[in-house]
PDB file of N, CA and C in Angstrom:
ATOM      1  N   MET A   1      16.450  -2.370  22.715  1.00  0.00           N
ATOM      2  CA  MET A   1      15.533  -3.281  22.066  1.00  0.00           C
ATOM      3  C   MET A   1      14.579  -2.488  21.174  1.00  0.00           C
ATOM      4  N   LYS A   2      14.397  -2.935  19.943  1.00  0.00           N
ATOM      5  CA  LYS A   2      13.501  -2.256  19.023  1.00  0.00           C
ATOM      6  C   LYS A   2      12.054  -2.659  19.282  1.00  0.00           C
ATOM      7  N   THR A   3      11.154  -1.751  18.912  1.00  0.00           N
ATOM      8  CA  THR A   3       9.729  -2.022  18.978  1.00  0.00           C
ATOM      9  C   THR A   3       9.274  -2.517  17.608  1.00  0.00           C
ATOM     10  N   PHE A   4       8.405  -3.519  17.595  1.00  0.00           N
ATOM     11  CA  PHE A   4       7.884  -4.082  16.358  1.00  0.00           C
ATOM     12  C   PHE A   4       6.363  -4.082  16.435  1.00  0.00           C
ATOM     13  N   TYR A   5       5.719  -3.684  15.339  1.00  0.00           N
ATOM     14  CA  TYR A   5       4.264  -3.620  15.331  1.00  0.00           C
ATOM     15  C   TYR A   5       3.748  -3.904  13.925  1.00  0.00           C
ATOM     16  N   THR A   6       2.724  -4.709  13.821  1.00  0.00           N
ATOM     17  CA  THR A   6       2.094  -4.972  12.530  1.00  0.00           C
ATOM     18  C   THR A   6       0.627  -4.558  12.605  1.00  0.00           C
ATOM     19  N   SER A   7       0.188  -3.793  11.617  1.00  0.00           N
ATOM     20  CA  SER A   7      -1.188  -3.320  11.579  1.00  0.00           C
ATOM     21  C   SER A   7      -1.851  -3.749  10.271  1.00  0.00           C
ATOM     22  N   VAL A   8      -3.116  -4.130  10.365  1.00  0.00           N
ATOM     23  CA  VAL A   8      -3.903  -4.407   9.166  1.00  0.00           C
ATOM     24  C   VAL A   8      -4.507  -3.074   8.720  1.00  0.00           C
ATOM     25  N   VAL A   9      -4.017  -2.558   7.617  1.00  0.00           N
ATOM     26  CA  VAL A   9      -4.479  -1.265   7.120  1.00  0.00           C
ATOM     27  C   VAL A   9      -5.773  -1.427   6.321  1.00  0.00           C
ATOM     28  N   GLU A  10      -5.845  -2.476   5.504  1.00  0.00           N
ATOM     29  CA  GLU A  10      -7.063  -2.811   4.750  1.00  0.00           C
ATOM     30  C   GLU A  10      -7.209  -4.326   4.794  1.00  0.00           C
ATOM     31  N   LEU A  11      -8.415  -4.809   5.036  1.00  0.00           N
ATOM     32  CA  LEU A  11      -8.664  -6.246   5.071  1.00  0.00           C
ATOM     33  C   LEU A  11      -9.772  -6.578   4.086  1.00  0.00           C
ATOM     34  N   ARG A  12      -9.395  -7.196   2.974  1.00  0.00           N
ATOM     35  CA  ARG A  12     -10.335  -7.554   1.910  1.00  0.00           C
ATOM     36  C   ARG A  12     -11.241  -6.373   1.552  1.00  0.00           C
ATOM     37  N   ALA A  13     -10.645  -5.205   1.472  1.00  0.00           N
ATOM     38  CA  ALA A  13     -11.385  -3.993   1.108  1.00  0.00           C
ATOM     39  C   ALA A  13     -11.559  -3.957  -0.406  1.00  0.00           C
ATOM     40  N   HIS A  14     -12.805  -3.703  -0.848  1.00  0.00           N
ATOM     41  CA  HIS A  14     -13.064  -3.612  -2.286  1.00  0.00           C
ATOM     42  C   HIS A  14     -13.004  -2.148  -2.715  1.00  0.00           C
ATOM     43  N   PHE A  15     -12.203  -1.876  -3.727  1.00  0.00           N
ATOM     44  CA  PHE A  15     -12.085  -0.536  -4.304  1.00  0.00           C
ATOM     45  C   PHE A  15     -12.648  -0.618  -5.721  1.00  0.00           C
ATOM     46  N   PRO A  16     -13.774   0.051  -6.015  1.00  0.00           N
ATOM     47  CA  PRO A  16     -14.361  -0.038  -7.347  1.00  0.00           C
ATOM     48  C   PRO A  16     -13.552   0.688  -8.415  1.00  0.00           C
ATOM     49  N   GLY A  17     -12.695   1.615  -8.011  1.00  0.00           N
ATOM     50  CA  GLY A  17     -11.870   2.376  -8.963  1.00  0.00           C
ATOM     51  C   GLY A  17     -10.483   2.580  -8.388  1.00  0.00           C
ATOM     52  N   ARG A  18     -10.090   3.842  -8.301  1.00  0.00           N
ATOM     53  CA  ARG A  18      -8.771   4.159  -7.749  1.00  0.00           C
ATOM     54  C   ARG A  18      -8.654   3.650  -6.313  1.00  0.00           C
ATOM     55  N   ILE A  19      -7.453   3.228  -5.955  1.00  0.00           N
ATOM     56  CA  ILE A  19      -7.187   2.679  -4.629  1.00  0.00           C
ATOM     57  C   ILE A  19      -6.400   3.697  -3.817  1.00  0.00           C
ATOM     58  N   GLN A  20      -6.868   3.922  -2.603  1.00  0.00           N
ATOM     59  CA  GLN A  20      -6.164   4.793  -1.657  1.00  0.00           C
ATOM     60  C   GLN A  20      -6.348   4.185  -0.280  1.00  0.00           C
ATOM     61  N   THR A  21      -5.274   3.653   0.304  1.00  0.00           N
ATOM     62  CA  THR A  21      -5.403   3.010   1.609  1.00  0.00           C
ATOM     63  C   THR A  21      -5.542   4.070   2.691  1.00  0.00           C
ATOM     64  N   HIS A  22      -6.013   3.624   3.843  1.00  0.00           N
ATOM     65  CA  HIS A  22      -6.081   4.541   4.978  1.00  0.00           C
ATOM     66  C   HIS A  22      -4.656   4.999   5.323  1.00  0.00           C
ATOM     67  N   PRO A  23      -4.490   6.274   5.643  1.00  0.00           N
ATOM     68  CA  PRO A  23      -3.165   6.744   6.079  1.00  0.00           C
ATOM     69  C   PRO A  23      -2.837   6.147   7.447  1.00  0.00           C
ATOM     70  N   TYR A  24      -1.559   5.875   7.654  1.00  0.00           N
ATOM     71  CA  TYR A  24      -1.154   5.284   8.924  1.00  0.00           C
ATOM     72  C   TYR A  24      -0.042   6.118   9.540  1.00  0.00           C
ATOM     73  N   GLU A  25      -0.273   6.599  10.767  1.00  0.00           N
ATOM     74  CA  GLU A  25       0.714   7.412  11.467  1.00  0.00           C
ATOM     75  C   GLU A  25       1.761   6.502  12.087  1.00  0.00           C
ATOM     76  N   CYS A  26       3.003   6.679  11.687  1.00  0.00           N
ATOM     77  CA  CYS A  26       4.056   5.772  12.143  1.00  0.00           C
ATOM     78  C   CYS A  26       5.405   6.489  12.230  1.00  0.00           C
ATOM     79  N   GLY A  27       5.373   7.753  12.639  1.00  0.00           N
ATOM     80  CA  GLY A  27       6.602   8.529  12.724  1.00  0.00           C
ATOM     81  C   GLY A  27       7.625   7.968  13.696  1.00  0.00           C
ATOM     82  N   TRP A  28       7.205   7.120  14.630  1.00  0.00           N
ATOM     83  CA  TRP A  28       8.134   6.543  15.609  1.00  0.00           C
ATOM     84  C   TRP A  28       9.025   5.476  14.997  1.00  0.00           C
ATOM     85  N   ALA A  29       8.608   4.905  13.874  1.00  0.00           N
ATOM     86  CA  ALA A  29       9.317   3.753  13.301  1.00  0.00           C
ATOM     87  C   ALA A  29      10.503   4.201  12.447  1.00  0.00           C
ATOM     88  N   ASP A  30      11.497   3.338  12.370  1.00  0.00           N
ATOM     89  CA  ASP A  30      12.662   3.575  11.515  1.00  0.00           C
ATOM     90  C   ASP A  30      12.481   2.947  10.141  1.00  0.00           C
ATOM     91  N   GLU A  31      11.699   1.867  10.084  1.00  0.00           N
ATOM     92  CA  GLU A  31      11.508   1.173   8.817  1.00  0.00           C
ATOM     93  C   GLU A  31      10.113   0.583   8.762  1.00  0.00           C
ATOM     94  N   ALA A  32       9.620   0.411   7.538  1.00  0.00           N
ATOM     95  CA  ALA A  32       8.276  -0.110   7.326  1.00  0.00           C
ATOM     96  C   ALA A  32       8.272  -1.029   6.113  1.00  0.00           C
ATOM     97  N   ILE A  33       7.399  -2.024   6.156  1.00  0.00           N
ATOM     98  CA  ILE A  33       7.183  -2.897   5.007  1.00  0.00           C
ATOM     99  C   ILE A  33       5.676  -3.027   4.805  1.00  0.00           C
ATOM    100  N   PHE A  34       5.208  -2.686   3.580  1.00  0.00           N
ATOM    101  CA  PHE A  34       3.826  -2.935   3.201  1.00  0.00           C
ATOM    102  C   PHE A  34       3.747  -4.318   2.580  1.00  0.00           C
ATOM    103  N   PHE A  35       2.833  -5.163   3.084  1.00  0.00           N
ATOM    104  CA  PHE A  35       2.518  -6.452   2.480  1.00  0.00           C
ATOM    105  C   PHE A  35       1.145  -6.321   1.839  1.00  0.00           C
ATOM    106  N   VAL A  36       1.048  -6.633   0.552  1.00  0.00           N
ATOM    107  CA  VAL A  36      -0.179  -6.423  -0.211  1.00  0.00           C
ATOM    108  C   VAL A  36      -0.646  -7.746  -0.808  1.00  0.00           C
ATOM    109  N   ASP A  37      -1.937  -8.017  -0.675  1.00  0.00           N
ATOM    110  CA  ASP A  37      -2.570  -9.184  -1.300  1.00  0.00           C
ATOM    111  C   ASP A  37      -3.702  -8.707  -2.188  1.00  0.00           C
ATOM    112  N   LEU A  38      -3.699  -9.167  -3.441  1.00  0.00           N
ATOM    113  CA  LEU A  38      -4.804  -8.921  -4.369  1.00  0.00           C
ATOM    114  C   LEU A  38      -5.672 -10.169  -4.371  1.00  0.00           C
ATOM    115  N   HIS A  39      -6.948 -10.020  -3.984  1.00  0.00           N
ATOM    116  CA  HIS A  39      -7.845 -11.173  -3.861  1.00  0.00           C
ATOM    117  C   HIS A  39      -8.670 -11.376  -5.134  1.00  0.00           C
ATOM    118  N   ASP A  40      -8.758 -12.610  -5.575  1.00  0.00           N
ATOM    119  CA  ASP A  40      -9.628 -13.035  -6.672  1.00  0.00           C
ATOM    120  C   ASP A  40      -9.496 -12.186  -7.937  1.00  0.00           C
ATOM    121  N   PRO A  41      -8.275 -11.980  -8.430  1.00  0.00           N
ATOM    122  CA  PRO A  41      -8.142 -11.191  -9.667  1.00  0.00           C
ATOM    123  C   PRO A  41      -8.618 -11.985 -10.875  1.00  0.00           C
ATOM    124  N   GLU A  42      -9.105 -11.264 -11.882  1.00  0.00           N
ATOM    125  CA  GLU A  42      -9.426 -11.874 -13.168  1.00  0.00           C
ATOM    126  C   GLU A  42      -8.113 -12.129 -13.900  1.00  0.00           C
ATOM    127  N   PRO A  43      -8.086 -13.092 -14.812  1.00  0.00           N
ATOM    128  CA  PRO A  43      -6.847 -13.331 -15.567  1.00  0.00           C
ATOM    129  C   PRO A  43      -6.386 -12.049 -16.272  1.00  0.00           C
ATOM    130  N   GLY A  44      -5.133 -11.712 -16.107  1.00  0.00           N
ATOM    131  CA  GLY A  44      -4.553 -10.517 -16.732  1.00  0.00           C
ATOM    132  C   GLY A  44      -4.605  -9.274 -15.875  1.00  0.00           C
ATOM    133  N   ASP A  45      -5.377  -9.295 -14.767  1.00  0.00           N
ATOM    134  CA  ASP A  45      -5.428  -8.123 -13.887  1.00  0.00           C
ATOM    135  C   ASP A  45      -4.080  -7.905 -13.220  1.00  0.00           C
ATOM    136  N   VAL A  46      -3.694  -6.644 -13.096  1.00  0.00           N
ATOM    137  CA  VAL A  46      -2.450  -6.279 -12.415  1.00  0.00           C
ATOM    138  C   VAL A  46      -2.749  -5.109 -11.470  1.00  0.00           C
ATOM    139  N   LEU A  47      -2.269  -5.237 -10.255  1.00  0.00           N
ATOM    140  CA  LEU A  47      -2.413  -4.183  -9.250  1.00  0.00           C
ATOM    141  C   LEU A  47      -1.122  -3.373  -9.215  1.00  0.00           C
ATOM    142  N   VAL A  48      -1.247  -2.038  -9.340  1.00  0.00           N
ATOM    143  CA  VAL A  48      -0.079  -1.154  -9.277  1.00  0.00           C
ATOM    144  C   VAL A  48      -0.329  -0.124  -8.180  1.00  0.00           C
ATOM    145  N   LEU A  49       0.514  -0.132  -7.159  1.00  0.00           N
ATOM    146  CA  LEU A  49       0.381   0.788  -6.030  1.00  0.00           C
ATOM    147  C   LEU A  49       1.695   1.519  -5.800  1.00  0.00           C
ATOM    148  N   ARG A  50       1.602   2.823  -5.510  1.00  0.00           N
ATOM    149  CA  ARG A  50       2.766   3.641  -5.176  1.00  0.00           C
ATOM    150  C   ARG A  50       2.758   3.955  -3.687  1.00  0.00           C
ATOM    151  N   THR A  51       3.926   3.974  -3.093  1.00  0.00           N
ATOM    152  CA  THR A  51       4.051   4.381  -1.701  1.00  0.00           C
ATOM    153  C   THR A  51       4.060   5.904  -1.629  1.00  0.00           C
ATOM    154  N   GLN A  52       3.271   6.444  -0.710  1.00  0.00           N
ATOM    155  CA  GLN A  52       3.285   7.880  -0.473  1.00  0.00           C
ATOM    156  C   GLN A  52       3.578   8.147   0.990  1.00  0.00           C
ATOM    157  N   LEU A  53       4.222   9.291   1.259  1.00  0.00           N
ATOM    158  CA  LEU A  53       4.499   9.715   2.623  1.00  0.00           C
ATOM    159  C   LEU A  53       4.014  11.135   2.837  1.00  0.00           C
ATOM    160  N   SER A  54       3.832  11.469   4.113  1.00  0.00           N
ATOM    161  CA  SER A  54       3.307  12.779   4.466  1.00  0.00           C
ATOM    162  C   SER A  54       3.801  13.175   5.847  1.00  0.00           C
ATOM    163  N   ALA A  55       4.024  14.453   6.030  1.00  0.00           N
ATOM    164  CA  ALA A  55       4.391  14.966   7.348  1.00  0.00           C
ATOM    165  C   ALA A  55       3.157  15.196   8.217  1.00  0.00           C
ATOM    166  N   ASP A  56       1.997  15.473   7.561  1.00  0.00           N
ATOM    167  CA  ASP A  56       0.814  15.849   8.329  1.00  0.00           C
ATOM    168  C   ASP A  56      -0.424  14.985   8.066  1.00  0.00           C
ATOM    169  N   GLY A  57      -0.331  14.023   7.148  1.00  0.00           N
ATOM    170  CA  GLY A  57      -1.469  13.174   6.829  1.00  0.00           C
ATOM    171  C   GLY A  57      -2.467  13.845   5.900  1.00  0.00           C
ATOM    172  N   ILE A  58      -2.142  15.034   5.400  1.00  0.00           N
ATOM    173  CA  ILE A  58      -3.044  15.780   4.515  1.00  0.00           C
ATOM    174  C   ILE A  58      -2.421  15.946   3.133  1.00  0.00           C
ATOM    175  N   ARG A  59      -1.182  16.398   3.099  1.00  0.00           N
ATOM    176  CA  ARG A  59      -0.472  16.613   1.832  1.00  0.00           C
ATOM    177  C   ARG A  59       0.469  15.435   1.611  1.00  0.00           C
ATOM    178  N   TRP A  60       0.366  14.785   0.446  1.00  0.00           N
ATOM    179  CA  TRP A  60       1.080  13.542   0.179  1.00  0.00           C
ATOM    180  C   TRP A  60       2.056  13.688  -0.976  1.00  0.00           C
ATOM    181  N   LEU A  61       3.179  12.973  -0.882  1.00  0.00           N
ATOM    182  CA  LEU A  61       4.196  12.942  -1.926  1.00  0.00           C
ATOM    183  C   LEU A  61       4.557  11.497  -2.223  1.00  0.00           C
ATOM    184  N   ASP A  62       4.837  11.220  -3.497  1.00  0.00           N
ATOM    185  CA  ASP A  62       5.299   9.879  -3.850  1.00  0.00           C
ATOM    186  C   ASP A  62       6.667   9.629  -3.243  1.00  0.00           C
ATOM    187  N   GLU A  63       6.843   8.465  -2.660  1.00  0.00           N
ATOM    188  CA  GLU A  63       8.111   8.084  -2.033  1.00  0.00           C
ATOM    189  C   GLU A  63       9.059   7.461  -3.046  1.00  0.00           C
ATOM    190  N   GLY A  64       8.519   6.821  -4.070  1.00  0.00           N
ATOM    191  CA  GLY A  64       9.351   6.173  -5.085  1.00  0.00           C
ATOM    192  C   GLY A  64       9.139   4.676  -5.171  1.00  0.00           C
ATOM    193  N   GLY A  65       8.634   4.067  -4.102  1.00  0.00           N
ATOM    194  CA  GLY A  65       8.376   2.634  -4.119  1.00  0.00           C
ATOM    195  C   GLY A  65       7.115   2.303  -4.913  1.00  0.00           C
ATOM    196  N   VAL A  66       7.183   1.245  -5.716  1.00  0.00           N
ATOM    197  CA  VAL A  66       6.031   0.813  -6.513  1.00  0.00           C
ATOM    198  C   VAL A  66       5.864  -0.693  -6.367  1.00  0.00           C
ATOM    199  N   ILE A  67       4.631  -1.120  -6.137  1.00  0.00           N
ATOM    200  CA  ILE A  67       4.271  -2.530  -6.125  1.00  0.00           C
ATOM    201  C   ILE A  67       3.488  -2.814  -7.388  1.00  0.00           C
ATOM    202  N   GLU A  68       3.881  -3.852  -8.123  1.00  0.00           N
ATOM    203  CA  GLU A  68       3.130  -4.289  -9.295  1.00  0.00           C
ATOM    204  C   GLU A  68       2.985  -5.800  -9.174  1.00  0.00           C
ATOM    205  N   THR A  69       1.745  -6.254  -9.004  1.00  0.00           N
ATOM    206  CA  THR A  69       1.530  -7.681  -8.751  1.00  0.00           C
ATOM    207  C   THR A  69       0.153  -8.128  -9.220  1.00  0.00           C
ATOM    208  N   ASN A  70       0.012  -9.431  -9.444  1.00  0.00           N
ATOM    209  CA  ASN A  70      -1.312 -10.012  -9.678  1.00  0.00           C
ATOM    210  C   ASN A  70      -1.648 -11.025  -8.583  1.00  0.00           C
ATOM    211  N   THR A  71      -0.828 -11.074  -7.531  1.00  0.00           N
ATOM    212  CA  THR A  71      -1.110 -11.952  -6.389  1.00  0.00           C
ATOM    213  C   THR A  71      -0.756 -11.225  -5.085  1.00  0.00           C
ATOM    214  N   SER A  72       0.480 -11.409  -4.602  1.00  0.00           N
ATOM    215  CA  SER A  72       0.945 -10.800  -3.356  1.00  0.00           C
ATOM    216  C   SER A  72       2.327 -10.202  -3.577  1.00  0.00           C
ATOM    217  N   ALA A  73       2.625  -9.145  -2.823  1.00  0.00           N
ATOM    218  CA  ALA A  73       3.925  -8.488  -2.963  1.00  0.00           C
ATOM    219  C   ALA A  73       4.197  -7.643  -1.725  1.00  0.00           C
ATOM    220  N   PHE A  74       5.406  -7.103  -1.649  1.00  0.00           N
ATOM    221  CA  PHE A  74       5.735  -6.196  -0.556  1.00  0.00           C
ATOM    222  C   PHE A  74       6.660  -5.105  -1.068  1.00  0.00           C
ATOM    223  N   THR A  75       6.730  -4.012  -0.300  1.00  0.00           N
ATOM    224  CA  THR A  75       7.687  -2.958  -0.577  1.00  0.00           C
ATOM    225  C   THR A  75       8.214  -2.426   0.741  1.00  0.00           C
ATOM    226  N   ARG A  76       9.508  -2.138   0.767  1.00  0.00           N
ATOM    227  CA  ARG A  76      10.159  -1.612   1.974  1.00  0.00           C
ATOM    228  C   ARG A  76      10.233  -0.093   1.886  1.00  0.00           C
ATOM    229  N   VAL A  77      10.088   0.555   3.060  1.00  0.00           N
ATOM    230  CA  VAL A  77      10.152   2.006   3.117  1.00  0.00           C
ATOM    231  C   VAL A  77      11.042   2.400   4.297  1.00  0.00           C
ATOM    232  N   GLY A  78      11.937   3.352   4.069  1.00  0.00           N
ATOM    233  CA  GLY A  78      12.785   3.877   5.134  1.00  0.00           C
ATOM    234  C   GLY A  78      12.855   5.391   5.027  1.00  0.00           C
ATOM    235  N   HIS A  79      13.182   6.065   6.082  1.00  0.00           N
ATOM    236  CA  HIS A  79      13.341   7.523   6.088  1.00  0.00           C
ATOM    237  C   HIS A  79      12.062   8.216   5.624  1.00  0.00           C
ATOM    238  N   PHE A  80      10.970   7.993   6.319  1.00  0.00           N
ATOM    239  CA  PHE A  80       9.698   8.592   5.952  1.00  0.00           C
ATOM    240  C   PHE A  80       9.268   9.596   7.015  1.00  0.00           C
ATOM    241  N   GLY A  81       8.212  10.367   6.664  1.00  0.00           N
ATOM    242  CA  GLY A  81       7.665  11.345   7.594  1.00  0.00           C
ATOM    243  C   GLY A  81       6.746  10.688   8.596  1.00  0.00           C
ATOM    244  N   GLY A  82       5.725  11.399   9.005  1.00  0.00           N
ATOM    245  CA  GLY A  82       4.850  10.885  10.042  1.00  0.00           C
ATOM    246  C   GLY A  82       3.819   9.881   9.581  1.00  0.00           C
ATOM    247  N   PHE A  83       3.450   9.891   8.274  1.00  0.00           N
ATOM    248  CA  PHE A  83       2.364   9.051   7.779  1.00  0.00           C
ATOM    249  C   PHE A  83       2.776   8.319   6.500  1.00  0.00           C
ATOM    250  N   LEU A  84       2.197   7.132   6.302  1.00  0.00           N
ATOM    251  CA  LEU A  84       2.396   6.351   5.077  1.00  0.00           C
ATOM    252  C   LEU A  84       1.045   5.889   4.544  1.00  0.00           C
ATOM    253  N   ARG A  85       0.981   5.691   3.224  1.00  0.00           N
ATOM    254  CA  ARG A  85      -0.186   5.070   2.603  1.00  0.00           C
ATOM    255  C   ARG A  85       0.225   4.542   1.231  1.00  0.00           C
ATOM    256  N   LEU A  86      -0.681   3.797   0.599  1.00  0.00           N
ATOM    257  CA  LEU A  86      -0.495   3.332  -0.775  1.00  0.00           C
ATOM    258  C   LEU A  86      -1.616   3.889  -1.634  1.00  0.00           C
ATOM    259  N   VAL A  87      -1.296   4.245  -2.874  1.00  0.00           N
ATOM    260  CA  VAL A  87      -2.304   4.705  -3.841  1.00  0.00           C
ATOM    261  C   VAL A  87      -2.032   4.043  -5.180  1.00  0.00           C
ATOM    262  N   GLY A  88      -3.076   3.895  -5.971  1.00  0.00           N
ATOM    263  CA  GLY A  88      -2.884   3.312  -7.300  1.00  0.00           C
ATOM    264  C   GLY A  88      -4.179   2.769  -7.836  1.00  0.00           C
ATOM    265  N   ALA A  89      -4.091   1.695  -8.633  1.00  0.00           N
ATOM    266  CA  ALA A  89      -5.268   1.120  -9.273  1.00  0.00           C
ATOM    267  C   ALA A  89      -4.939  -0.281  -9.762  1.00  0.00           C
ATOM    268  N   ALA A  90      -5.998  -1.014 -10.057  1.00  0.00           N
ATOM    269  CA  ALA A  90      -5.864  -2.308 -10.728  1.00  0.00           C
ATOM    270  C   ALA A  90      -6.215  -2.105 -12.197  1.00  0.00           C
ATOM    271  N   HIS A  91      -5.513  -2.825 -13.064  1.00  0.00           N
ATOM    272  CA  HIS A  91      -5.722  -2.690 -14.508  1.00  0.00           C
ATOM    273  C   HIS A  91      -5.973  -4.059 -15.125  1.00  0.00           C
ATOM    274  N   ARG A  92      -6.877  -4.073 -16.123  1.00  0.00           N
ATOM    275  CA  ARG A  92      -7.107  -5.285 -16.907  1.00  0.00           C
ATOM    276  C   ARG A  92      -5.955  -5.455 -17.897  1.00  0.00           C
ATOM    277  N   ALA A  93      -5.947  -6.581 -18.584  1.00  0.00           N
ATOM    278  CA  ALA A  93      -4.896  -6.855 -19.568  1.00  0.00           C
ATOM    279  C   ALA A  93      -4.868  -5.807 -20.676  1.00  0.00           C
ATOM    280  N   ASP A  94      -6.040  -5.204 -21.006  1.00  0.00           N
ATOM    281  CA  ASP A  94      -6.073  -4.181 -22.064  1.00  0.00           C
ATOM    282  C   ASP A  94      -5.684  -2.797 -21.563  1.00  0.00           C
ATOM    283  N   GLY A  95      -5.325  -2.672 -20.271  1.00  0.00           N
ATOM    284  CA  GLY A  95      -4.876  -1.403 -19.707  1.00  0.00           C
ATOM    285  C   GLY A  95      -5.958  -0.582 -19.039  1.00  0.00           C
ATOM    286  N   SER A  96      -7.218  -0.961 -19.204  1.00  0.00           N
ATOM    287  CA  SER A  96      -8.298  -0.200 -18.566  1.00  0.00           C
ATOM    288  C   SER A  96      -8.336  -0.495 -17.069  1.00  0.00           C
ATOM    289  N   GLU A  97      -8.830   0.486 -16.306  1.00  0.00           N
ATOM    290  CA  GLU A  97      -8.927   0.319 -14.861  1.00  0.00           C
ATOM    291  C   GLU A  97     -10.048  -0.623 -14.501  1.00  0.00           C
ATOM    292  N   THR A  98      -9.869  -1.347 -13.418  1.00  0.00           N
ATOM    293  CA  THR A  98     -10.901  -2.243 -12.914  1.00  0.00           C
ATOM    294  C   THR A  98     -10.905  -2.189 -11.396  1.00  0.00           C
ATOM    295  N   GLY A  99     -11.947  -2.673 -10.785  1.00  0.00           N
ATOM    296  CA  GLY A  99     -12.010  -2.729  -9.335  1.00  0.00           C
ATOM    297  C   GLY A  99     -11.115  -3.839  -8.801  1.00  0.00           C
ATOM    298  N   ALA A 100     -10.841  -3.766  -7.488  1.00  0.00           N
ATOM    299  CA  ALA A 100      -9.969  -4.767  -6.880  1.00  0.00           C
ATOM    300  C   ALA A 100     -10.315  -4.922  -5.409  1.00  0.00           C
ATOM    301  N   THR A 101     -10.138  -6.152  -4.924  1.00  0.00           N
ATOM    302  CA  THR A 101     -10.267  -6.417  -3.497  1.00  0.00           C
ATOM    303  C   THR A 101      -8.867  -6.655  -2.963  1.00  0.00           C
ATOM    304  N   VAL A 102      -8.492  -5.873  -1.951  1.00  0.00           N
ATOM    305  CA  VAL A 102      -7.094  -5.803  -1.518  1.00  0.00           C
ATOM    306  C   VAL A 102      -7.003  -5.910   0.001  1.00  0.00           C
ATOM    307  N   SER A 103      -5.977  -6.614   0.475  1.00  0.00           N
ATOM    308  CA  SER A 103      -5.584  -6.564   1.884  1.00  0.00           C
ATOM    309  C   SER A 103      -4.188  -5.961   1.973  1.00  0.00           C
ATOM    310  N   VAL A 104      -4.000  -5.081   2.949  1.00  0.00           N
ATOM    311  CA  VAL A 104      -2.705  -4.425   3.134  1.00  0.00           C
ATOM    312  C   VAL A 104      -2.335  -4.495   4.612  1.00  0.00           C
ATOM    313  N   ARG A 105      -1.155  -5.018   4.874  1.00  0.00           N
ATOM    314  CA  ARG A 105      -0.618  -5.056   6.234  1.00  0.00           C
ATOM    315  C   ARG A 105       0.653  -4.228   6.256  1.00  0.00           C
ATOM    316  N   LEU A 106       0.855  -3.505   7.360  1.00  0.00           N
ATOM    317  CA  LEU A 106       2.026  -2.641   7.498  1.00  0.00           C
ATOM    318  C   LEU A 106       2.822  -3.100   8.714  1.00  0.00           C
ATOM    319  N   ALA A 107       4.037  -3.569   8.466  1.00  0.00           N
ATOM    320  CA  ALA A 107       4.939  -3.998   9.541  1.00  0.00           C
ATOM    321  C   ALA A 107       5.925  -2.870   9.815  1.00  0.00           C
ATOM    322  N   LEU A 108       6.012  -2.465  11.089  1.00  0.00           N
ATOM    323  CA  LEU A 108       6.849  -1.330  11.493  1.00  0.00           C
ATOM    324  C   LEU A 108       7.868  -1.779  12.517  1.00  0.00           C
ATOM    325  N   LYS A 109       9.055  -1.189  12.434  1.00  0.00           N
ATOM    326  CA  LYS A 109      10.116  -1.497  13.392  1.00  0.00           C
ATOM    327  C   LYS A 109      10.855  -0.207  13.700  1.00  0.00           C
ATOM    328  N   GLY A 110      11.105   0.030  14.964  1.00  0.00           N
ATOM    329  CA  GLY A 110      11.841   1.249  15.320  1.00  0.00           C
ATOM    330  C   GLY A 110      12.276   1.268  16.754  1.00  0.00           C
TER     331      GLY A 110
END
């Protein structure tokens, strides 16, 4: 029987600039899904987040997964190290960075 666990990594957290979620240790899991919600975006705002993984929670590498949304989205991750997180930013329609309020949930199975 597999173990299943869902954690709230960020709950309506406001990021005034660059976004970096709390790292989450999940080396026991075989697969992970990040669920992301962008709260109260201005028209034209787009949230772009990259999945990163780490063996030690200190040094991070891009995994390749990218979320681009103006509402809600998810990304699946498999074959990762001990830690996962999301990094990125929200952008206005003209391409400039803007702040964002974000919720991130991480569903793990292993």
